[in-house]
Amino acid sequence: MKAILLLCFLMLVGCSSKDNSVYDIVWKDFTNKEIKLEAYKDKWIIVNYWATWCVPCIKEMPILQKFYQQSNLTTIVIGANIEHSDGFVTAESILKFTKKLNIHFPIVKANIELDKVSLGKIKALPTTVIINPKGKVIHTHLGQINQQQLKQYTTD
């Protein structure tokens, strides 16, 4: 009897689960422009979760920028800032911060609760999520990332 109940439960859970595609994610940047991952189908997508107070995040920004410049025909880099919701960091300060670092890839307002449905839970900063051109999350890198790792993750 327990086996039948367990089987019924697993069937119900399996039937009710929605396939959460990364392409369903829509963010807003710090000028309130929508950034839809759907626009980047058939490209490698690198989503980097960061904050202005995170020293390793700041150190890897030039690395991400360089990678973005070198591979922007096949790859998009998106910086997902987690600070906007606390009210202490304004859009103006984020734009000024990224300009100072000479960052040209899109910077968006992360939505940790919604993002984790498709991209997984963010456990530390920085966290970089690698999505292949088919829309599958293939790697989540915790901590500072380097150029060699970016190349490795996007050629496998």
N, C-alpha and C. Protein backbone atom coordinates (compact mmCIF):
# COMPACT_ATOMS: atom_id res chain seq x y z
N MET A 1 0.82 -1.19 0.00
CA MET A 1 0.00 0.00 0.00
C MET A 1 0.86 1.26 0.00
N LYS A 2 1.93 1.25 0.84
CA LYS A 2 2.83 2.41 0.89
C LYS A 2 3.49 2.64 -0.47
N ALA A 3 3.83 1.54 -1.13
CA ALA A 3 4.49 1.66 -2.44
C ALA A 3 3.55 2.30 -3.46
N ILE A 4 2.27 1.95 -3.39
CA ILE A 4 1.28 2.52 -4.32
C ILE A 4 1.10 4.01 -4.04
N LEU A 5 1.01 4.39 -2.76
CA LEU A 5 0.89 5.81 -2.41
C LEU A 5 2.12 6.60 -2.86
N LEU A 6 3.29 6.04 -2.65
CA LEU A 6 4.52 6.71 -3.07
C LEU A 6 4.55 6.87 -4.59
N LEU A 7 4.16 5.84 -5.31
CA LEU A 7 4.12 5.90 -6.77
C LEU A 7 3.14 6.97 -7.24
N CYS A 8 1.96 7.03 -6.62
CA CYS A 8 0.96 8.06 -6.97
C CYS A 8 1.50 9.46 -6.70
N PHE A 9 2.16 9.63 -5.57
CA PHE A 9 2.73 10.93 -5.22
C PHE A 9 3.78 11.35 -6.25
N LEU A 10 4.68 10.43 -6.60
CA LEU A 10 5.73 10.75 -7.57
C LEU A 10 5.15 11.07 -8.94
N MET A 11 4.07 10.40 -9.32
CA MET A 11 3.43 10.68 -10.60
C MET A 11 2.80 12.08 -10.58
N LEU A 12 2.16 12.42 -9.47
CA LEU A 12 1.54 13.75 -9.36
C LEU A 12 2.60 14.85 -9.40
N VAL A 13 3.68 14.67 -8.69
CA VAL A 13 4.75 15.66 -8.69
C VAL A 13 5.34 15.79 -10.08
N GLY A 14 5.56 14.67 -10.73
CA GLY A 14 6.12 14.69 -12.09
C GLY A 14 5.19 15.35 -13.08
N CYS A 15 3.90 15.15 -12.94
CA CYS A 15 2.93 15.75 -13.86
C CYS A 15 2.75 17.24 -13.61
N SER A 16 2.93 17.68 -12.39
CA SER A 16 2.67 19.07 -12.09
C SER A 16 3.89 19.96 -12.25
N SER A 17 5.06 19.36 -12.40
CA SER A 17 6.25 20.20 -12.50
C SER A 17 6.33 20.84 -13.88
N LYS A 18 6.65 22.10 -13.89
CA LYS A 18 6.77 22.86 -15.13
C LYS A 18 8.22 22.83 -15.57
N ASP A 19 8.43 22.72 -16.87
CA ASP A 19 9.78 22.80 -17.40
C ASP A 19 10.17 24.27 -17.44
N ASN A 20 11.00 24.68 -16.50
CA ASN A 20 11.41 26.08 -16.40
C ASN A 20 12.61 26.33 -17.27
N SER A 21 12.38 26.94 -18.41
CA SER A 21 13.43 27.22 -19.36
C SER A 21 14.19 28.48 -18.95
N VAL A 22 15.49 28.48 -19.19
CA VAL A 22 16.26 29.69 -18.93
C VAL A 22 15.78 30.81 -19.84
N TYR A 23 15.19 30.44 -20.97
CA TYR A 23 14.72 31.45 -21.92
C TYR A 23 13.47 32.18 -21.43
N ASP A 24 12.89 31.72 -20.33
CA ASP A 24 11.74 32.42 -19.73
C ASP A 24 12.19 33.59 -18.86
N ILE A 25 13.47 33.67 -18.55
CA ILE A 25 13.97 34.71 -17.65
C ILE A 25 13.97 36.07 -18.35
N VAL A 26 13.40 37.04 -17.65
CA VAL A 26 13.39 38.43 -18.11
C VAL A 26 13.85 39.29 -16.93
N TRP A 27 14.89 40.05 -17.14
CA TRP A 27 15.38 40.98 -16.12
C TRP A 27 15.18 42.40 -16.62
N LYS A 28 15.41 43.35 -15.73
CA LYS A 28 15.49 44.75 -16.13
C LYS A 28 16.89 45.23 -15.81
N ASP A 29 17.43 46.03 -16.72
CA ASP A 29 18.73 46.60 -16.42
C ASP A 29 18.53 47.86 -15.57
N PHE A 30 19.58 48.58 -15.34
CA PHE A 30 19.50 49.73 -14.44
C PHE A 30 19.02 51.01 -15.13
N THR A 31 18.57 50.86 -16.39
CA THR A 31 17.86 51.95 -17.06
C THR A 31 16.40 51.51 -17.30
N ASN A 32 16.03 50.38 -16.70
CA ASN A 32 14.69 49.77 -16.80
C ASN A 32 14.38 49.16 -18.16
N LYS A 33 15.40 48.88 -18.94
CA LYS A 33 15.22 48.18 -20.21
C LYS A 33 15.14 46.68 -19.91
N GLU A 34 14.21 45.98 -20.56
CA GLU A 34 14.09 44.54 -20.37
C GLU A 34 15.21 43.80 -21.09
N ILE A 35 15.77 42.82 -20.40
CA ILE A 35 16.78 41.93 -20.96
C ILE A 35 16.19 40.52 -20.90
N LYS A 36 15.91 39.95 -22.06
CA LYS A 36 15.31 38.62 -22.14
C LYS A 36 16.35 37.62 -22.60
N LEU A 37 16.51 36.55 -21.84
CA LEU A 37 17.48 35.53 -22.25
C LEU A 37 17.06 34.87 -23.57
N GLU A 38 15.80 34.89 -23.86
CA GLU A 38 15.30 34.34 -25.11
C GLU A 38 16.00 34.99 -26.33
N ALA A 39 16.39 36.25 -26.17
CA ALA A 39 17.07 36.97 -27.26
C ALA A 39 18.44 36.39 -27.57
N TYR A 40 18.96 35.54 -26.69
CA TYR A 40 20.31 35.01 -26.84
C TYR A 40 20.31 33.51 -27.13
N LYS A 41 19.21 33.01 -27.67
CA LYS A 41 19.18 31.59 -28.07
C LYS A 41 20.30 31.36 -29.07
N ASP A 42 20.88 30.19 -29.02
CA ASP A 42 21.98 29.78 -29.89
C ASP A 42 23.31 30.45 -29.54
N LYS A 43 23.40 31.11 -28.39
CA LYS A 43 24.66 31.66 -27.90
C LYS A 43 24.98 31.04 -26.55
N TRP A 44 26.24 31.06 -26.20
CA TRP A 44 26.62 30.76 -24.83
C TRP A 44 26.18 31.94 -23.99
N ILE A 45 25.62 31.67 -22.82
CA ILE A 45 25.18 32.73 -21.91
C ILE A 45 25.94 32.56 -20.60
N ILE A 46 26.60 33.63 -20.19
CA ILE A 46 27.32 33.63 -18.92
C ILE A 46 26.61 34.64 -18.02
N VAL A 47 26.04 34.15 -16.94
CA VAL A 47 25.36 35.01 -15.97
C VAL A 47 26.23 35.06 -14.72
N ASN A 48 26.67 36.26 -14.39
CA ASN A 48 27.55 36.44 -13.25
C ASN A 48 26.83 37.23 -12.16
N TYR A 49 26.60 36.60 -11.01
CA TYR A 49 25.97 37.26 -9.86
C TYR A 49 27.06 37.95 -9.05
N TRP A 50 26.83 39.23 -8.74
CA TRP A 50 27.86 40.03 -8.11
C TRP A 50 27.26 41.13 -7.25
N ALA A 51 28.16 41.80 -6.49
CA ALA A 51 27.78 42.96 -5.67
C ALA A 51 28.98 43.91 -5.62
N THR A 52 28.70 45.18 -5.40
CA THR A 52 29.77 46.19 -5.36
C THR A 52 30.68 46.02 -4.15
N TRP A 53 30.21 45.41 -3.09
CA TRP A 53 31.01 45.22 -1.87
C TRP A 53 31.84 43.94 -1.91
N CYS A 54 31.67 43.15 -2.96
CA CYS A 54 32.33 41.84 -3.08
C CYS A 54 33.66 42.01 -3.82
N VAL A 55 34.76 41.90 -3.10
CA VAL A 55 36.09 42.11 -3.69
C VAL A 55 36.38 41.14 -4.84
N PRO A 56 36.15 39.82 -4.69
CA PRO A 56 36.39 38.92 -5.83
C PRO A 56 35.51 39.26 -7.04
N CYS A 57 34.30 39.74 -6.78
CA CYS A 57 33.41 40.15 -7.88
C CYS A 57 34.05 41.28 -8.68
N ILE A 58 34.56 42.25 -7.98
CA ILE A 58 35.17 43.42 -8.63
C ILE A 58 36.43 42.99 -9.40
N LYS A 59 37.21 42.09 -8.81
CA LYS A 59 38.43 41.62 -9.47
C LYS A 59 38.14 40.87 -10.76
N GLU A 60 37.02 40.17 -10.83
CA GLU A 60 36.73 39.39 -12.03
C GLU A 60 36.00 40.19 -13.11
N MET A 61 35.51 41.36 -12.79
CA MET A 61 34.79 42.17 -13.78
C MET A 61 35.63 42.45 -15.04
N PRO A 62 36.90 42.87 -14.92
CA PRO A 62 37.70 43.07 -16.14
C PRO A 62 37.91 41.78 -16.94
N ILE A 63 37.98 40.66 -16.25
CA ILE A 63 38.12 39.36 -16.92
C ILE A 63 36.87 39.06 -17.73
N LEU A 64 35.70 39.28 -17.13
CA LEU A 64 34.44 39.06 -17.83
C LEU A 64 34.30 40.02 -19.01
N GLN A 65 34.71 41.27 -18.82
CA GLN A 65 34.64 42.26 -19.90
C GLN A 65 35.53 41.85 -21.07
N LYS A 66 36.74 41.43 -20.77
CA LYS A 66 37.66 40.99 -21.82
C LYS A 66 37.09 39.79 -22.58
N PHE A 67 36.55 38.83 -21.84
CA PHE A 67 35.96 37.65 -22.47
C PHE A 67 34.77 38.05 -23.34
N TYR A 68 33.96 38.96 -22.86
CA TYR A 68 32.80 39.46 -23.61
C TYR A 68 33.27 40.12 -24.92
N GLN A 69 34.29 40.93 -24.86
CA GLN A 69 34.79 41.61 -26.05
C GLN A 69 35.36 40.62 -27.06
N GLN A 70 36.05 39.61 -26.58
CA GLN A 70 36.70 38.65 -27.46
C GLN A 70 35.73 37.65 -28.09
N SER A 71 34.61 37.41 -27.45
CA SER A 71 33.73 36.34 -27.93
C SER A 71 32.27 36.77 -28.06
N ASN A 72 32.03 38.06 -28.27
CA ASN A 72 30.64 38.52 -28.26
C ASN A 72 29.81 38.05 -29.45
N LEU A 73 30.42 37.44 -30.46
CA LEU A 73 29.63 36.87 -31.55
C LEU A 73 28.99 35.54 -31.15
N THR A 74 29.63 34.85 -30.20
CA THR A 74 29.14 33.53 -29.79
C THR A 74 28.66 33.48 -28.35
N THR A 75 28.94 34.54 -27.58
CA THR A 75 28.69 34.52 -26.15
C THR A 75 28.14 35.86 -25.68
N ILE A 76 27.21 35.81 -24.75
CA ILE A 76 26.76 37.02 -24.06
C ILE A 76 27.11 36.88 -22.58
N VAL A 77 27.62 37.94 -22.02
CA VAL A 77 27.89 37.99 -20.58
C VAL A 77 26.87 38.93 -19.98
N ILE A 78 26.25 38.52 -18.89
CA ILE A 78 25.28 39.35 -18.19
C ILE A 78 25.67 39.41 -16.72
N GLY A 79 25.84 40.60 -16.22
CA GLY A 79 26.13 40.79 -14.81
C GLY A 79 24.82 40.98 -14.06
N ALA A 80 24.54 40.12 -13.10
CA ALA A 80 23.29 40.19 -12.33
C ALA A 80 23.61 40.70 -10.93
N ASN A 81 23.32 41.97 -10.70
CA ASN A 81 23.62 42.60 -9.41
C ASN A 81 22.53 42.27 -8.41
N ILE A 82 22.94 41.87 -7.21
CA ILE A 82 21.99 41.44 -6.18
C ILE A 82 21.60 42.54 -5.21
N GLU A 83 22.20 43.73 -5.32
CA GLU A 83 22.04 44.76 -4.30
C GLU A 83 20.84 45.68 -4.46
N HIS A 84 20.26 45.75 -5.62
CA HIS A 84 19.23 46.75 -5.90
C HIS A 84 18.02 46.67 -4.98
N SER A 85 17.68 45.49 -4.51
CA SER A 85 16.45 45.32 -3.73
C SER A 85 16.59 45.79 -2.28
N ASP A 86 17.82 46.00 -1.80
CA ASP A 86 17.97 46.40 -0.39
C ASP A 86 17.75 47.90 -0.16
N GLY A 87 17.65 48.67 -1.25
CA GLY A 87 17.39 50.09 -1.11
C GLY A 87 18.60 50.95 -0.81
N PHE A 88 19.75 50.32 -0.57
CA PHE A 88 20.96 51.08 -0.26
C PHE A 88 21.76 51.44 -1.50
N VAL A 89 21.53 50.71 -2.57
CA VAL A 89 22.27 50.94 -3.81
C VAL A 89 21.28 51.41 -4.87
N THR A 90 21.57 52.54 -5.46
CA THR A 90 20.68 53.10 -6.48
C THR A 90 21.14 52.69 -7.87
N ALA A 91 20.23 52.83 -8.82
CA ALA A 91 20.57 52.55 -10.21
C ALA A 91 21.71 53.46 -10.65
N GLU A 92 21.66 54.70 -10.24
CA GLU A 92 22.71 55.66 -10.60
C GLU A 92 24.08 55.21 -10.09
N SER A 93 24.13 54.71 -8.87
CA SER A 93 25.42 54.28 -8.32
C SER A 93 25.94 53.03 -9.04
N ILE A 94 25.07 52.13 -9.44
CA ILE A 94 25.50 50.93 -10.19
C ILE A 94 26.02 51.34 -11.56
N LEU A 95 25.31 52.24 -12.23
CA LEU A 95 25.75 52.70 -13.55
C LEU A 95 27.10 53.41 -13.45
N LYS A 96 27.28 54.20 -12.43
CA LYS A 96 28.55 54.90 -12.21
C LYS A 96 29.67 53.90 -11.93
N PHE A 97 29.36 52.89 -11.11
CA PHE A 97 30.32 51.86 -10.75
C PHE A 97 30.79 51.09 -11.98
N THR A 98 29.85 50.66 -12.83
CA THR A 98 30.22 49.87 -14.02
C THR A 98 30.94 50.74 -15.05
N LYS A 99 30.58 52.00 -15.12
CA LYS A 99 31.28 52.91 -16.03
C LYS A 99 32.74 53.08 -15.59
N LYS A 100 32.94 53.21 -14.29
CA LYS A 100 34.30 53.35 -13.73
C LYS A 100 35.15 52.13 -14.06
N LEU A 101 34.54 50.95 -14.05
CA LEU A 101 35.25 49.70 -14.37
C LEU A 101 35.31 49.42 -15.87
N ASN A 102 34.69 50.30 -16.67
CA ASN A 102 34.67 50.16 -18.13
C ASN A 102 33.96 48.86 -18.56
N ILE A 103 32.83 48.59 -17.94
CA ILE A 103 32.04 47.39 -18.24
C ILE A 103 30.99 47.73 -19.30
N HIS A 104 30.95 46.93 -20.37
CA HIS A 104 30.02 47.19 -21.46
C HIS A 104 29.00 46.07 -21.67
N PHE A 105 29.14 44.98 -20.94
CA PHE A 105 28.12 43.93 -21.05
C PHE A 105 26.91 44.34 -20.21
N PRO A 106 25.73 43.77 -20.49
CA PRO A 106 24.53 44.17 -19.75
C PRO A 106 24.64 43.87 -18.25
N ILE A 107 24.19 44.82 -17.45
CA ILE A 107 24.11 44.65 -16.00
C ILE A 107 22.62 44.73 -15.64
N VAL A 108 22.13 43.69 -14.99
CA VAL A 108 20.70 43.60 -14.69
C VAL A 108 20.46 43.52 -13.19
N LYS A 109 19.21 43.74 -12.83
CA LYS A 109 18.76 43.60 -11.43
C LYS A 109 18.38 42.14 -11.21
N ALA A 110 19.20 41.44 -10.46
CA ALA A 110 18.94 40.01 -10.22
C ALA A 110 17.67 39.84 -9.40
N ASN A 111 16.99 38.74 -9.65
CA ASN A 111 15.85 38.35 -8.84
C ASN A 111 16.16 36.95 -8.34
N ILE A 112 16.86 36.88 -7.22
CA ILE A 112 17.39 35.61 -6.71
C ILE A 112 16.30 34.55 -6.59
N GLU A 113 15.13 34.92 -6.09
CA GLU A 113 14.06 33.93 -5.89
C GLU A 113 13.55 33.37 -7.21
N LEU A 114 13.36 34.21 -8.20
CA LEU A 114 12.88 33.72 -9.50
C LEU A 114 13.99 33.04 -10.29
N ASP A 115 15.19 33.60 -10.23
CA ASP A 115 16.30 33.04 -11.00
C ASP A 115 16.62 31.61 -10.58
N LYS A 116 16.49 31.32 -9.28
CA LYS A 116 16.89 29.98 -8.81
C LYS A 116 16.02 28.88 -9.40
N VAL A 117 14.82 29.21 -9.87
CA VAL A 117 13.95 28.20 -10.47
C VAL A 117 14.60 27.64 -11.73
N SER A 118 15.20 28.50 -12.55
CA SER A 118 15.82 28.04 -13.79
C SER A 118 17.33 27.90 -13.72
N LEU A 119 17.98 28.71 -12.89
CA LEU A 119 19.44 28.74 -12.88
C LEU A 119 20.07 28.07 -11.67
N GLY A 120 19.29 27.79 -10.66
CA GLY A 120 19.82 27.18 -9.44
C GLY A 120 20.05 28.21 -8.36
N LYS A 121 20.19 27.73 -7.15
CA LYS A 121 20.36 28.60 -5.98
C LYS A 121 21.74 29.26 -5.99
N ILE A 122 21.76 30.54 -5.65
CA ILE A 122 23.01 31.28 -5.55
C ILE A 122 23.49 31.15 -4.10
N LYS A 123 24.61 30.47 -3.90
CA LYS A 123 25.09 30.16 -2.55
C LYS A 123 26.21 31.08 -2.08
N ALA A 124 26.86 31.77 -3.01
CA ALA A 124 28.00 32.63 -2.67
C ALA A 124 28.19 33.66 -3.77
N LEU A 125 28.97 34.66 -3.47
CA LEU A 125 29.34 35.65 -4.48
C LEU A 125 30.84 35.64 -4.66
N PRO A 126 31.31 35.78 -5.85
CA PRO A 126 30.53 35.73 -7.09
C PRO A 126 30.14 34.30 -7.44
N THR A 127 29.06 34.21 -8.20
CA THR A 127 28.63 32.94 -8.79
C THR A 127 28.42 33.18 -10.27
N THR A 128 28.99 32.30 -11.08
CA THR A 128 28.86 32.42 -12.53
C THR A 128 28.16 31.17 -13.05
N VAL A 129 27.07 31.39 -13.77
CA VAL A 129 26.29 30.30 -14.33
C VAL A 129 26.55 30.26 -15.84
N ILE A 130 26.92 29.08 -16.34
CA ILE A 130 27.23 28.90 -17.75
C ILE A 130 26.08 28.13 -18.40
N ILE A 131 25.51 28.73 -19.44
CA ILE A 131 24.37 28.14 -20.17
C ILE A 131 24.82 27.90 -21.61
N ASN A 132 24.63 26.68 -22.08
CA ASN A 132 25.07 26.37 -23.45
C ASN A 132 24.07 26.92 -24.48
N PRO A 133 24.42 26.89 -25.77
CA PRO A 133 23.53 27.44 -26.80
C PRO A 133 22.18 26.74 -26.93
N LYS A 134 22.02 25.59 -26.29
CA LYS A 134 20.74 24.89 -26.30
C LYS A 134 19.86 25.28 -25.12
N GLY A 135 20.38 26.16 -24.25
CA GLY A 135 19.60 26.65 -23.11
C GLY A 135 19.73 25.80 -21.86
N LYS A 136 20.76 24.97 -21.80
CA LYS A 136 20.95 24.11 -20.63
C LYS A 136 22.06 24.66 -19.75
N VAL A 137 21.78 24.75 -18.44
CA VAL A 137 22.82 25.13 -17.49
C VAL A 137 23.81 23.98 -17.41
N ILE A 138 25.05 24.26 -17.80
CA ILE A 138 26.04 23.17 -17.81
C ILE A 138 27.05 23.28 -16.67
N HIS A 139 27.14 24.48 -16.07
CA HIS A 139 28.09 24.62 -14.97
C HIS A 139 27.73 25.83 -14.13
N THR A 140 27.94 25.70 -12.83
CA THR A 140 27.82 26.83 -11.91
C THR A 140 29.16 26.93 -11.18
N HIS A 141 29.80 28.06 -11.35
CA HIS A 141 31.13 28.29 -10.78
C HIS A 141 30.99 29.21 -9.57
N LEU A 142 31.38 28.71 -8.40
CA LEU A 142 31.37 29.53 -7.18
C LEU A 142 32.73 30.16 -6.99
N GLY A 143 32.75 31.45 -6.71
CA GLY A 143 34.01 32.16 -6.51
C GLY A 143 34.49 32.83 -7.77
N GLN A 144 35.63 33.48 -7.65
CA GLN A 144 36.19 34.25 -8.75
C GLN A 144 36.53 33.34 -9.92
N ILE A 145 36.21 33.78 -11.11
CA ILE A 145 36.46 32.99 -12.32
C ILE A 145 37.59 33.64 -13.11
N ASN A 146 38.29 32.83 -13.91
CA ASN A 146 39.36 33.40 -14.72
C ASN A 146 39.11 33.11 -16.20
N GLN A 147 39.93 33.73 -17.05
CA GLN A 147 39.78 33.63 -18.50
C GLN A 147 39.85 32.18 -18.98
N GLN A 148 40.80 31.42 -18.45
CA GLN A 148 40.97 30.03 -18.86
C GLN A 148 39.71 29.20 -18.53
N GLN A 149 39.13 29.42 -17.36
CA GLN A 149 37.91 28.70 -16.98
C GLN A 149 36.75 29.07 -17.90
N LEU A 150 36.62 30.36 -18.20
CA LEU A 150 35.55 30.79 -19.11
C LEU A 150 35.67 30.11 -20.47
N LYS A 151 36.89 30.06 -21.00
CA LYS A 151 37.12 29.40 -22.29
C LYS A 151 36.79 27.91 -22.19
N GLN A 152 37.24 27.27 -21.11
CA GLN A 152 37.00 25.85 -20.92
C GLN A 152 35.49 25.55 -20.85
N TYR A 153 34.78 26.30 -20.06
CA TYR A 153 33.34 26.06 -19.87
C TYR A 153 32.53 26.30 -21.16
N THR A 154 33.01 27.20 -22.00
CA THR A 154 32.22 27.53 -23.19
C THR A 154 32.71 26.81 -24.44
N THR A 155 33.57 25.83 -24.29
CA THR A 155 33.99 25.02 -25.44
C THR A 155 33.67 23.55 -25.26
N ASP A 156 33.21 23.18 -24.08
CA ASP A 156 32.88 21.76 -23.83
C ASP A 156 31.60 21.36 -24.53
